[in-house]
Amino acid sequence: MAFASYRDFINTLESAGELVRVSTPVATELEITEWADREMKRPGGGKALLFEQPTVNGRVSPFPVAINTLGSWRRMALSMGAASVETVAAELGSLMKAKPPTSFRETLRLLGTAMDLRHAKPKLVARGACKEVVHLFPESPRRSEPWPDAPGLAARSGSEPTLADLPILKCWPLDGGRFITLPCVVTRDPDTGERNVGMYRIQIYDGATTGMHWQLQKVAARHGRRYYETGERMPVSVFLGGDPMFPFAATTPLPDGLDEFLLAGYLRKQSVELVKCETNDLEVPANADFVIEGYVDPSEPLRLEGPFGDHTGFYTLPEPYPVFHVTCVTHRRDAIYPATIVGIPPMEDFYIGGASVKLFLPIFKMNFPEIVDIALPAEGVFHNLVFVSIRKSYPMQAYKIMHGLWGMGQMMFSKYIVVVDDDVDVQDTRAVLFRLCANTDPQRDTLLTRGPSDVLDHATSEVGVGSKMGIDATRKIAGEGFKRPWPPVIRMSPEIQSRITRMMSGRAADK
């Protein structure tokens, strides 16, 4: 299901009973975070929130703030226009099974082909609602004609445009400032022309400059390194809102070179319409709510970005990152500002990340057919902890899975991988911990290795480099150093279970 705008998605959530409107003024400084944090930690992720009068430094913003819009399994399904995320995953898996791949590289090619066959590639259009209002910053040439009756170039009469007019959150008390927390960042490979859409937090330095926190291993950082090598100014555009599949696609672990707009078009069942930006040659969705255009100058020194209360549950300390200079801001007349917060789990990002795992599980299974299910528990803050269940048929198979997963894209950041048998529900953390404690000998069943780590991980001795642990919590078989019989799990017979169920039901009926 394609949403014409972010407001269209908000209205759908409200019709489904998944939205709470907050009509009283609430400050973008810390107060929205506290309100949203309490809601996110309610059973099942609580409700989406629409703050109709967010205040910025005491002044009510003309733009409502929406938060926690993807923070439940039901809202994730609604964003995809499906009964469940599993339904969408099964559909994608069936498309790919039409021609089984013989390698991981072929799997990635087939993934792009499957999505392209279902829906046309993104297409360029002349105009879009994201340009209903255009705010050009000083010395920025205008590319297109203004919309009829556009309100003008400045948010307030007589003032120059500034990022301060947006209801950008200061999330946590020790944050280094305000942060855009749900941005879709568009960059392009200067060598191949391939586009990438990623999600990297953006710290506001002043009305026209921000930090650009693309981490070491991210695709946009690779693009940036090429511009730093050539010395050319790097065009960057950031958009917010539009179809909810845009931010979801930006967070998925797609391989480098596979267009996120292709995935978004597949999920929304309609190709993404793109428009050229006003001050650079990048393209953004025509129905986005906000677009922030600009550039990174390789000749400019890096600048400290942070601290930031991060998804790890701790503050990320200041580190040097590129400076993003804003040349233009455009938006819809009825724009809604989308935001999220991260911190001690569970938070909204648990459902976003979990939906990615569900969606790409068929892809994992095509390369590792023994995999039954994968879970990223909320306590693992995305990729720190991974549970995998497998159908085990030969010795050391659990270790094959560990090494295989560590070699697949962002799974390289997984600090702990626990492998269990196929009769364990990995979505049930208690069940996994039971097998972890019962089925392992620490020295025999633990693997320690080293590799790339998340740069946001404060526990590693070096930034971006750390160790990993794999734990084989499966039943041990011949060839794995276990020479005793493996005992069965205690279970009651199905006949007795059924008999007692009938007896208990009869007693309840008598009462």
Protein backbone atom coordinates (compact mmCIF):
# COMPACT_ATOMS: atom_id res chain seq x y z
CA MET A 1 0.00 0.00 0.00
CA ALA A 2 1.45 3.35 -1.05
CA PHE A 3 0.89 6.35 1.20
CA ALA A 4 0.61 9.70 -0.56
CA SER A 5 2.18 11.51 2.39
CA TYR A 6 3.26 11.02 5.96
CA ARG A 7 -0.03 12.65 7.00
CA ASP A 8 -1.84 9.96 5.01
CA PHE A 9 -0.03 7.31 7.10
CA ILE A 10 -0.84 9.17 10.33
CA ASN A 11 -4.54 9.21 9.37
CA THR A 12 -4.39 5.46 8.70
CA LEU A 13 -2.90 4.86 12.15
CA GLU A 14 -5.62 6.97 13.74
CA SER A 15 -8.37 5.08 11.91
CA ALA A 16 -6.86 1.83 13.18
CA GLY A 17 -6.84 3.07 16.79
CA GLU A 18 -3.03 3.20 16.78
CA LEU A 19 -2.56 6.95 17.32
CA VAL A 20 -2.87 9.29 20.29
CA ARG A 21 -3.09 13.04 19.62
CA VAL A 22 -1.52 15.37 22.18
CA SER A 23 -3.10 18.80 21.84
CA THR A 24 -1.35 20.55 24.75
CA PRO A 25 2.01 22.30 24.12
CA VAL A 26 4.95 19.96 24.82
CA ALA A 27 8.59 21.08 24.55
CA THR A 28 10.90 19.59 21.94
CA GLU A 29 13.59 19.98 24.59
CA LEU A 30 13.46 16.69 26.60
CA GLU A 31 9.69 16.68 27.25
CA ILE A 32 8.66 14.87 24.05
CA THR A 33 11.39 12.30 24.76
CA GLU A 34 10.07 11.57 28.25
CA TRP A 35 6.50 11.25 27.00
CA ALA A 36 7.50 9.04 24.06
CA ASP A 37 9.84 6.89 26.17
CA ARG A 38 7.02 6.02 28.57
CA GLU A 39 4.76 5.15 25.63
CA MET A 40 7.37 3.00 23.88
CA LYS A 41 7.88 0.94 27.02
CA ARG A 42 4.19 0.09 27.32
CA PRO A 43 3.24 -3.52 26.46
CA GLY A 44 3.49 -4.12 22.71
CA GLY A 45 5.10 -0.73 22.06
CA GLY A 46 2.18 1.49 23.10
CA LYS A 47 0.65 3.89 20.55
CA ALA A 48 1.99 6.33 18.00
CA LEU A 49 1.98 9.93 19.25
CA LEU A 50 1.18 13.13 17.36
CA PHE A 51 2.21 16.27 19.24
CA GLU A 52 0.07 18.96 17.66
CA GLN A 53 1.72 21.92 19.43
CA PRO A 54 5.40 21.13 19.90
CA THR A 55 7.33 24.09 21.24
CA VAL A 56 10.83 25.18 20.23
CA ASN A 57 12.44 27.43 22.83
CA GLY A 58 8.96 28.21 24.14
CA ARG A 59 7.43 29.03 20.74
CA VAL A 60 4.80 26.72 19.21
CA SER A 61 6.03 25.22 15.94
CA PRO A 62 3.73 25.25 12.89
CA PHE A 63 4.73 21.62 12.28
CA PRO A 64 3.30 18.77 14.38
CA VAL A 65 5.75 16.10 15.59
CA ALA A 66 4.93 12.41 15.08
CA ILE A 67 6.85 9.75 16.99
CA ASN A 68 6.66 5.99 17.62
CA THR A 69 4.75 5.54 14.38
CA LEU A 70 6.56 2.26 13.61
CA GLY A 71 6.90 1.15 17.22
CA SER A 72 4.74 -2.01 17.22
CA TRP A 73 4.30 -5.10 15.08
CA ARG A 74 0.83 -3.93 14.05
CA ARG A 75 2.04 -0.49 12.99
CA MET A 76 4.93 -2.05 11.06
CA ALA A 77 2.38 -4.22 9.21
CA LEU A 78 0.12 -1.21 8.57
CA SER A 79 3.08 0.71 7.14
CA MET A 80 3.49 -2.11 4.60
CA GLY A 81 -0.23 -2.41 3.91
CA ALA A 82 -0.12 -6.05 5.02
CA ALA A 83 -1.68 -8.30 7.62
CA SER A 84 1.77 -8.97 9.08
CA VAL A 85 5.45 -8.49 8.34
CA GLU A 86 5.74 -12.26 7.97
CA THR A 87 3.26 -12.13 5.08
CA VAL A 88 5.48 -9.68 3.20
CA ALA A 89 8.58 -11.75 3.95
CA ALA A 90 6.92 -14.91 2.65
CA GLU A 91 5.95 -13.12 -0.57
CA LEU A 92 9.50 -11.89 -1.15
CA GLY A 93 10.84 -15.36 -0.41
CA SER A 94 8.49 -16.96 -2.93
CA LEU A 95 9.60 -14.52 -5.64
CA MET A 96 13.23 -15.41 -5.06
CA LYS A 97 12.61 -19.15 -5.07
CA ALA A 98 11.69 -18.91 -8.76
CA LYS A 99 15.42 -19.27 -9.52
CA PRO A 100 17.42 -20.59 -6.55
CA PRO A 101 20.80 -18.85 -6.25
CA THR A 102 24.09 -20.72 -6.06
CA SER A 103 26.06 -18.10 -4.10
CA PHE A 104 25.55 -15.15 -1.78
CA ARG A 105 26.51 -12.73 -4.56
CA GLU A 106 23.91 -14.30 -6.83
CA THR A 107 21.37 -14.06 -4.01
CA LEU A 108 21.89 -10.30 -3.85
CA ARG A 109 21.49 -9.93 -7.60
CA LEU A 110 18.36 -12.03 -7.50
CA LEU A 111 16.96 -9.92 -4.66
CA GLY A 112 17.21 -6.79 -6.81
CA THR A 113 15.74 -8.60 -9.81
CA ALA A 114 12.79 -9.91 -7.79
CA MET A 115 11.92 -6.44 -6.52
CA ASP A 116 12.39 -4.88 -9.94
CA LEU A 117 10.11 -7.43 -11.57
CA ARG A 118 7.33 -6.71 -9.09
CA HIS A 119 7.39 -2.94 -9.44
CA ALA A 120 9.06 -0.51 -11.80
CA LYS A 121 12.25 1.23 -10.82
CA PRO A 122 12.03 4.69 -9.22
CA LYS A 123 10.96 7.27 -11.77
CA LEU A 124 11.79 10.95 -12.12
CA VAL A 125 8.91 13.45 -12.19
CA ALA A 126 8.92 17.19 -12.80
CA ARG A 127 7.33 18.39 -9.55
CA GLY A 128 6.44 17.14 -6.14
CA ALA A 129 4.60 18.24 -3.02
CA CYS A 130 7.94 18.30 -1.16
CA LYS A 131 8.61 21.61 -2.99
CA GLU A 132 5.37 23.40 -2.14
CA VAL A 133 7.46 25.72 0.06
CA VAL A 134 11.08 26.49 -0.80
CA HIS A 135 13.53 28.16 1.61
CA LEU A 136 16.73 29.06 -0.23
CA PHE A 137 19.72 29.81 1.94
CA PRO A 138 22.04 32.72 0.99
CA GLU A 139 23.83 32.39 -2.37
CA SER A 140 21.86 29.31 -3.39
CA PRO A 141 20.57 29.42 -6.99
CA ARG A 142 17.00 28.31 -7.57
CA ARG A 143 16.43 25.39 -9.94
CA SER A 144 12.66 25.41 -10.46
CA GLU A 145 9.78 27.84 -10.59
CA PRO A 146 7.96 28.38 -7.27
CA TRP A 147 4.59 26.75 -6.65
CA PRO A 148 1.60 29.07 -7.08
CA ASP A 149 0.78 30.93 -3.86
CA ALA A 150 3.85 29.51 -2.10
CA PRO A 151 4.22 31.14 1.34
CA GLY A 152 7.69 32.49 0.55
CA LEU A 153 11.32 31.80 1.30
CA ALA A 154 11.42 32.52 5.03
CA ALA A 155 9.45 30.99 7.86
CA ARG A 156 8.95 34.40 9.47
CA SER A 157 8.58 37.71 7.70
CA GLY A 158 11.89 39.52 7.30
CA SER A 159 14.03 36.63 8.48
CA GLU A 160 16.41 34.33 6.65
CA PRO A 161 15.61 30.61 6.56
CA THR A 162 17.04 28.57 9.41
CA LEU A 163 16.92 25.03 10.72
CA ALA A 164 15.75 26.54 14.00
CA ASP A 165 12.26 26.78 12.47
CA LEU A 166 11.93 23.00 12.53
CA PRO A 167 10.76 21.18 15.71
CA ILE A 168 14.02 19.25 16.06
CA LEU A 169 14.32 17.37 19.35
CA LYS A 170 16.87 17.62 22.09
CA CYS A 171 16.39 14.05 23.25
CA TRP A 172 18.41 13.49 26.44
CA PRO A 173 19.90 15.80 29.08
CA LEU A 174 23.58 15.31 28.14
CA ASP A 175 23.06 15.47 24.37
CA GLY A 176 25.35 17.89 22.58
CA GLY A 177 22.36 19.71 21.09
CA ARG A 178 19.31 19.04 18.96
CA PHE A 179 19.36 16.02 16.65
CA ILE A 180 17.36 15.03 13.59
CA THR A 181 16.68 11.42 14.49
CA LEU A 182 14.74 9.97 11.54
CA PRO A 183 16.58 11.40 8.50
CA CYS A 184 16.97 9.63 5.18
CA VAL A 185 20.38 10.71 3.87
CA VAL A 186 20.92 10.54 0.09
CA THR A 187 24.44 10.30 -1.32
CA ARG A 188 25.90 9.09 -4.60
CA ASP A 189 29.03 7.11 -5.45
CA PRO A 190 31.17 9.56 -7.48
CA ASP A 191 32.66 6.70 -9.51
CA THR A 192 29.63 4.55 -10.36
CA GLY A 193 26.79 7.02 -9.85
CA GLU A 194 24.99 4.49 -7.62
CA ARG A 195 22.69 6.05 -5.03
CA ASN A 196 22.52 5.20 -1.35
CA VAL A 197 19.85 6.12 1.17
CA GLY A 198 21.00 5.65 4.76
CA MET A 199 19.95 6.83 8.18
CA TYR A 200 22.57 8.77 10.13
CA ARG A 201 21.74 11.10 12.98
CA ILE A 202 22.25 14.81 12.34
CA GLN A 203 23.33 17.20 15.08
CA ILE A 204 22.32 20.84 14.62
CA TYR A 205 25.28 23.17 15.09
CA ASP A 206 23.49 26.36 14.04
CA GLY A 207 20.79 27.48 11.62
CA ALA A 208 22.71 26.38 8.53
CA THR A 209 25.28 23.71 9.54
CA THR A 210 25.04 20.26 11.10
CA GLY A 211 27.13 17.23 11.84
CA MET A 212 26.88 14.24 9.51
CA HIS A 213 27.29 11.09 11.58
CA TRP A 214 27.95 8.42 8.97
CA GLN A 215 29.90 5.70 10.71
CA LEU A 216 33.11 4.16 9.40
CA GLN A 217 31.55 1.08 7.78
CA LYS A 218 28.50 2.77 6.25
CA VAL A 219 28.04 3.24 2.51
CA ALA A 220 27.76 7.05 2.75
CA ALA A 221 31.12 7.12 4.56
CA ARG A 222 32.65 5.18 1.66
CA HIS A 223 31.16 7.71 -0.76
CA GLY A 224 32.56 10.50 1.39
CA ARG A 225 36.08 9.04 1.39
CA ARG A 226 36.14 9.19 -2.41
CA TYR A 227 35.19 12.87 -2.35
CA TYR A 228 37.87 13.54 0.26
CA GLU A 229 40.39 11.84 -2.03
CA THR A 230 39.41 14.01 -5.02
CA GLY A 231 38.82 17.21 -3.03
CA GLU A 232 35.47 17.79 -4.72
CA ARG A 233 32.52 19.18 -2.79
CA MET A 234 30.15 16.32 -1.94
CA PRO A 235 26.42 16.86 -2.57
CA VAL A 236 24.16 15.51 0.20
CA SER A 237 20.39 15.69 0.61
CA VAL A 238 18.30 14.69 3.59
CA PHE A 239 14.58 14.05 3.51
CA LEU A 240 12.02 13.31 6.19
CA GLY A 241 8.52 11.89 6.00
CA GLY A 242 6.63 10.78 2.96
CA ASP A 243 5.82 7.09 2.79
CA PRO A 244 6.85 5.22 5.98
CA MET A 245 8.67 2.68 3.81
CA PHE A 246 11.32 5.31 3.07
CA PRO A 247 12.86 5.41 6.58
CA PHE A 248 12.36 1.66 6.91
CA ALA A 249 14.25 1.00 3.67
CA ALA A 250 17.00 3.39 4.78
CA THR A 251 17.60 1.28 7.90
CA THR A 252 17.54 -2.17 6.25
CA PRO A 253 20.86 -4.00 5.73
CA LEU A 254 20.76 -3.87 1.95
CA PRO A 255 24.02 -4.70 0.17
CA ASP A 256 26.07 -1.83 -1.21
CA GLY A 257 24.76 -0.87 -4.66
CA LEU A 258 21.17 -2.09 -4.24
CA ASP A 259 18.88 0.96 -4.36
CA GLU A 260 16.80 1.51 -1.21
CA PHE A 261 14.11 3.19 -3.34
CA LEU A 262 13.73 -0.11 -5.20
CA LEU A 263 13.02 -1.88 -1.90
CA ALA A 264 10.63 0.90 -0.85
CA GLY A 265 8.79 0.63 -4.17
CA TYR A 266 8.47 -3.11 -3.75
CA LEU A 267 7.10 -2.83 -0.21
CA ARG A 268 4.64 -0.03 -1.01
CA LYS A 269 3.57 -1.79 -4.23
CA GLN A 270 4.16 1.35 -6.26
CA SER A 271 7.32 2.80 -7.75
CA VAL A 272 8.82 5.77 -5.95
CA GLU A 273 8.46 9.12 -7.73
CA LEU A 274 11.57 11.26 -7.39
CA VAL A 275 12.28 14.95 -8.03
CA LYS A 276 15.56 16.75 -8.54
CA CYS A 277 16.73 18.83 -5.63
CA GLU A 278 16.88 22.62 -5.93
CA THR A 279 20.59 23.16 -5.27
CA ASN A 280 22.25 19.85 -6.17
CA ASP A 281 21.70 16.99 -8.62
CA LEU A 282 20.48 14.40 -6.12
CA GLU A 283 16.94 13.04 -6.23
CA VAL A 284 14.45 12.72 -3.36
CA PRO A 285 10.89 11.40 -3.06
CA ALA A 286 8.35 13.82 -4.49
CA ASN A 287 5.98 13.20 -1.58
CA ALA A 288 8.49 13.76 1.24
CA ASP A 289 7.47 16.17 3.99
CA PHE A 290 10.84 17.93 4.37
CA VAL A 291 13.99 18.06 2.24
CA ILE A 292 17.26 19.54 3.51
CA GLU A 293 19.82 20.03 0.74
CA GLY A 294 23.48 20.84 1.06
CA TYR A 295 27.05 19.65 0.79
CA VAL A 296 30.11 18.43 2.65
CA ASP A 297 33.36 20.28 1.90
CA PRO A 298 36.41 17.95 1.95
CA SER A 299 38.73 20.91 2.51
CA GLU A 300 37.04 21.68 5.81
CA PRO A 301 38.30 20.16 9.07
CA LEU A 302 36.12 17.57 10.79
CA ARG A 303 34.14 18.78 13.77
CA LEU A 304 33.23 17.11 17.06
CA GLU A 305 29.75 15.60 16.99
CA GLY A 306 27.93 14.43 20.15
CA PRO A 307 27.42 13.42 22.89
CA PHE A 308 24.21 11.64 21.94
CA GLY A 309 21.96 9.31 23.95
CA ASP A 310 22.17 6.32 21.64
CA HIS A 311 20.43 3.00 20.97
CA THR A 312 23.08 1.29 23.11
CA GLY A 313 21.41 2.78 26.18
CA PHE A 314 24.51 4.89 26.82
CA TYR A 315 25.72 8.23 25.50
CA THR A 316 27.96 8.15 22.44
CA LEU A 317 30.88 10.42 23.32
CA PRO A 318 32.04 13.20 20.94
CA GLU A 319 33.95 12.11 17.85
CA PRO A 320 35.04 14.08 14.74
CA TYR A 321 32.66 13.92 11.75
CA PRO A 322 32.10 15.91 8.54
CA VAL A 323 30.15 19.16 8.59
CA PHE A 324 27.00 19.36 6.46
CA HIS A 325 26.27 22.83 5.04
CA VAL A 326 22.61 23.54 4.25
CA THR A 327 21.80 25.31 0.99
CA CYS A 328 18.03 24.83 0.84
CA VAL A 329 15.06 23.52 2.84
CA THR A 330 11.81 22.61 1.10
CA HIS A 331 8.64 21.17 2.58
CA ARG A 332 4.96 20.45 2.07
CA ARG A 333 2.46 23.05 3.22
CA ASP A 334 0.86 20.52 5.59
CA ALA A 335 4.14 18.87 6.63
CA ILE A 336 4.42 16.68 9.72
CA TYR A 337 7.85 16.35 11.29
CA PRO A 338 8.75 12.67 11.92
CA ALA A 339 11.01 11.78 14.81
CA THR A 340 12.13 8.90 16.96
CA ILE A 341 14.21 8.47 20.08
CA VAL A 342 16.69 5.79 21.05
CA GLY A 343 17.92 4.74 24.46
CA ILE A 344 17.52 1.93 26.96
CA PRO A 345 15.34 -0.73 25.25
CA PRO A 346 12.67 -1.48 24.38
CA MET A 347 12.22 1.45 22.01
CA GLU A 348 10.72 2.01 18.57
CA ASP A 349 13.90 0.83 16.85
CA PHE A 350 13.35 -2.70 18.21
CA TYR A 351 10.34 -3.14 15.92
CA ILE A 352 12.05 -1.50 12.94
CA GLY A 353 15.11 -3.73 13.27
CA GLY A 354 12.99 -6.79 13.99
CA ALA A 355 10.96 -6.19 10.84
CA SER A 356 14.19 -6.11 8.82
CA VAL A 357 15.19 -9.48 10.25
CA LYS A 358 11.77 -10.97 9.44
CA LEU A 359 11.84 -9.53 5.91
CA PHE A 360 15.30 -10.83 5.06
CA LEU A 361 15.03 -14.17 6.86
CA PRO A 362 14.10 -15.90 3.55
CA ILE A 363 17.34 -14.50 2.10
CA PHE A 364 19.36 -15.94 4.98
CA LYS A 365 17.63 -19.29 4.55
CA MET A 366 18.52 -19.43 0.86
CA ASN A 367 22.20 -19.33 1.80
CA PHE A 368 21.85 -21.30 5.03
CA PRO A 369 18.93 -23.70 4.54
CA GLU A 370 19.36 -25.16 8.02
CA ILE A 371 18.29 -21.87 9.64
CA VAL A 372 14.78 -21.99 11.12
CA ASP A 373 14.51 -18.53 12.68
CA ILE A 374 16.57 -15.54 13.81
CA ALA A 375 15.82 -13.08 16.61
CA LEU A 376 17.46 -9.89 17.81
CA PRO A 377 16.21 -9.48 21.40
CA ALA A 378 15.48 -5.93 22.56
CA GLU A 379 18.11 -6.26 25.27
CA GLY A 380 20.75 -6.68 22.59
CA VAL A 381 20.05 -3.19 21.19
CA PHE A 382 19.83 -4.34 17.57
CA HIS A 383 22.84 -6.47 16.65
CA ASN A 384 24.73 -7.01 19.92
CA LEU A 385 22.87 -10.26 20.61
CA VAL A 386 21.58 -12.67 17.96
CA PHE A 387 19.63 -15.89 18.56
CA VAL A 388 19.57 -18.45 15.73
CA SER A 389 17.75 -21.79 15.59
CA ILE A 390 18.92 -24.47 13.15
CA ARG A 391 18.10 -28.01 12.03
CA LYS A 392 21.38 -29.62 12.98
CA SER A 393 22.56 -32.62 10.98
CA TYR A 394 26.37 -32.75 11.27
CA PRO A 395 29.15 -31.83 13.72
CA MET A 396 30.21 -28.18 14.15
CA GLN A 397 27.26 -26.93 12.10
CA ALA A 398 26.56 -24.22 14.67
CA TYR A 399 30.04 -22.78 14.10
CA LYS A 400 29.46 -22.71 10.34
CA ILE A 401 26.37 -20.56 10.98
CA MET A 402 28.26 -18.20 13.29
CA HIS A 403 31.01 -17.57 10.75
CA GLY A 404 28.51 -17.27 7.92
CA LEU A 405 26.40 -14.66 9.70
CA TRP A 406 29.42 -12.61 10.75
CA GLY A 407 30.31 -12.39 7.05
CA MET A 408 26.94 -11.00 5.94
CA GLY A 409 26.68 -7.20 5.84
CA GLN A 410 25.77 -5.54 9.11
CA MET A 411 25.71 -8.91 10.89
CA MET A 412 29.45 -8.30 11.21
CA PHE A 413 28.58 -6.07 14.17
CA SER A 414 26.99 -8.90 16.17
CA LYS A 415 28.89 -9.32 19.42
CA TYR A 416 27.16 -12.48 20.61
CA ILE A 417 25.57 -15.21 18.48
CA VAL A 418 23.77 -18.04 20.29
CA VAL A 419 22.80 -21.06 18.19
CA VAL A 420 20.07 -23.42 19.41
CA ASP A 421 18.15 -26.39 18.00
CA ASP A 422 15.06 -26.10 15.82
CA ASP A 423 12.66 -26.97 18.68
CA VAL A 424 13.53 -23.72 20.48
CA ASP A 425 11.49 -20.55 19.87
CA VAL A 426 14.20 -17.90 19.50
CA GLN A 427 11.57 -15.17 19.92
CA ASP A 428 11.23 -16.42 23.54
CA THR A 429 14.35 -15.15 25.33
CA ARG A 430 13.64 -17.28 28.40
CA ALA A 431 13.59 -20.44 26.26
CA VAL A 432 16.94 -19.54 24.67
CA LEU A 433 18.57 -18.74 28.02
CA PHE A 434 17.35 -22.09 29.39
CA ARG A 435 19.12 -23.95 26.56
CA LEU A 436 22.15 -21.69 26.82
CA CYS A 437 22.64 -22.59 30.46
CA ALA A 438 21.64 -26.26 30.13
CA ASN A 439 23.29 -27.31 26.86
CA THR A 440 26.73 -25.74 27.03
CA ASP A 441 30.13 -26.42 28.49
CA PRO A 442 31.73 -22.94 28.40
CA GLN A 443 35.19 -24.03 27.31
CA ARG A 444 34.02 -26.52 24.68
CA ASP A 445 31.06 -24.61 23.25
CA THR A 446 32.36 -21.04 23.11
CA LEU A 447 34.11 -19.43 20.16
CA LEU A 448 36.02 -16.14 20.47
CA THR A 449 37.10 -14.21 17.40
CA ARG A 450 37.86 -10.65 16.31
CA GLY A 451 36.50 -8.38 13.62
CA PRO A 452 34.82 -5.05 12.83
CA SER A 453 32.55 -3.64 15.53
CA ASP A 454 29.95 -0.93 15.74
CA VAL A 455 31.66 2.44 16.20
CA LEU A 456 28.91 3.27 18.70
CA ASP A 457 30.06 0.43 20.97
CA HIS A 458 31.70 2.17 23.94
CA ALA A 459 33.03 -1.11 25.40
CA THR A 460 35.61 -1.88 22.69
CA SER A 461 39.23 -0.90 23.31
CA GLU A 462 39.50 0.64 19.84
CA VAL A 463 36.80 2.40 17.82
CA GLY A 464 35.36 0.08 15.19
CA VAL A 465 37.40 -2.97 16.23
CA GLY A 466 36.42 -5.61 18.76
CA SER A 467 35.91 -9.24 19.67
CA LYS A 468 32.92 -11.52 19.17
CA MET A 469 31.59 -14.60 20.92
CA GLY A 470 29.67 -17.49 19.47
CA ILE A 471 27.94 -20.02 21.72
CA ASP A 472 26.84 -23.43 20.52
CA ALA A 473 23.77 -24.24 22.65
CA THR A 474 22.60 -27.11 20.42
CA ARG A 475 22.48 -30.79 21.41
CA LYS A 476 25.94 -32.29 21.05
CA ILE A 477 26.47 -35.19 18.66
CA ALA A 478 29.30 -37.55 17.74
CA GLY A 479 32.32 -35.65 16.47
CA GLU A 480 31.83 -32.69 18.81
CA GLY A 481 33.76 -34.10 21.78
CA PHE A 482 30.70 -35.32 23.70
CA LYS A 483 30.93 -39.03 24.58
CA ARG A 484 27.86 -39.54 26.78
CA PRO A 485 24.20 -40.03 25.82
CA TRP A 486 22.33 -36.74 25.44
CA PRO A 487 19.29 -36.67 27.73
CA PRO A 488 15.80 -35.81 26.47
CA VAL A 489 13.96 -32.67 27.58
CA ILE A 490 11.24 -33.27 30.19
CA ARG A 491 7.85 -33.19 28.49
CA MET A 492 4.42 -34.52 29.43
CA SER A 493 2.70 -36.84 26.95
CA PRO A 494 0.11 -35.19 24.68
CA GLU A 495 -2.59 -37.60 25.88
CA ILE A 496 -2.22 -36.56 29.51
CA GLN A 497 -2.07 -32.89 28.52
CA SER A 498 -5.35 -33.20 26.63
CA ARG A 499 -7.01 -35.17 29.45
CA ILE A 500 -6.09 -32.62 32.10
CA THR A 501 -7.17 -29.76 29.84
CA ARG A 502 -10.63 -31.35 29.57
CA MET A 503 -10.77 -31.96 33.32
CA MET A 504 -9.80 -28.37 34.14
CA SER A 505 -12.31 -27.01 31.63
CA GLY A 506 -15.05 -29.10 33.27
CA ARG A 507 -14.25 -27.71 36.71
CA ALA A 508 -14.37 -24.17 35.35
CA ALA A 509 -17.76 -24.84 33.77
CA ASP A 510 -19.12 -26.24 37.06
CA LYS A 511 -18.26 -22.98 38.80
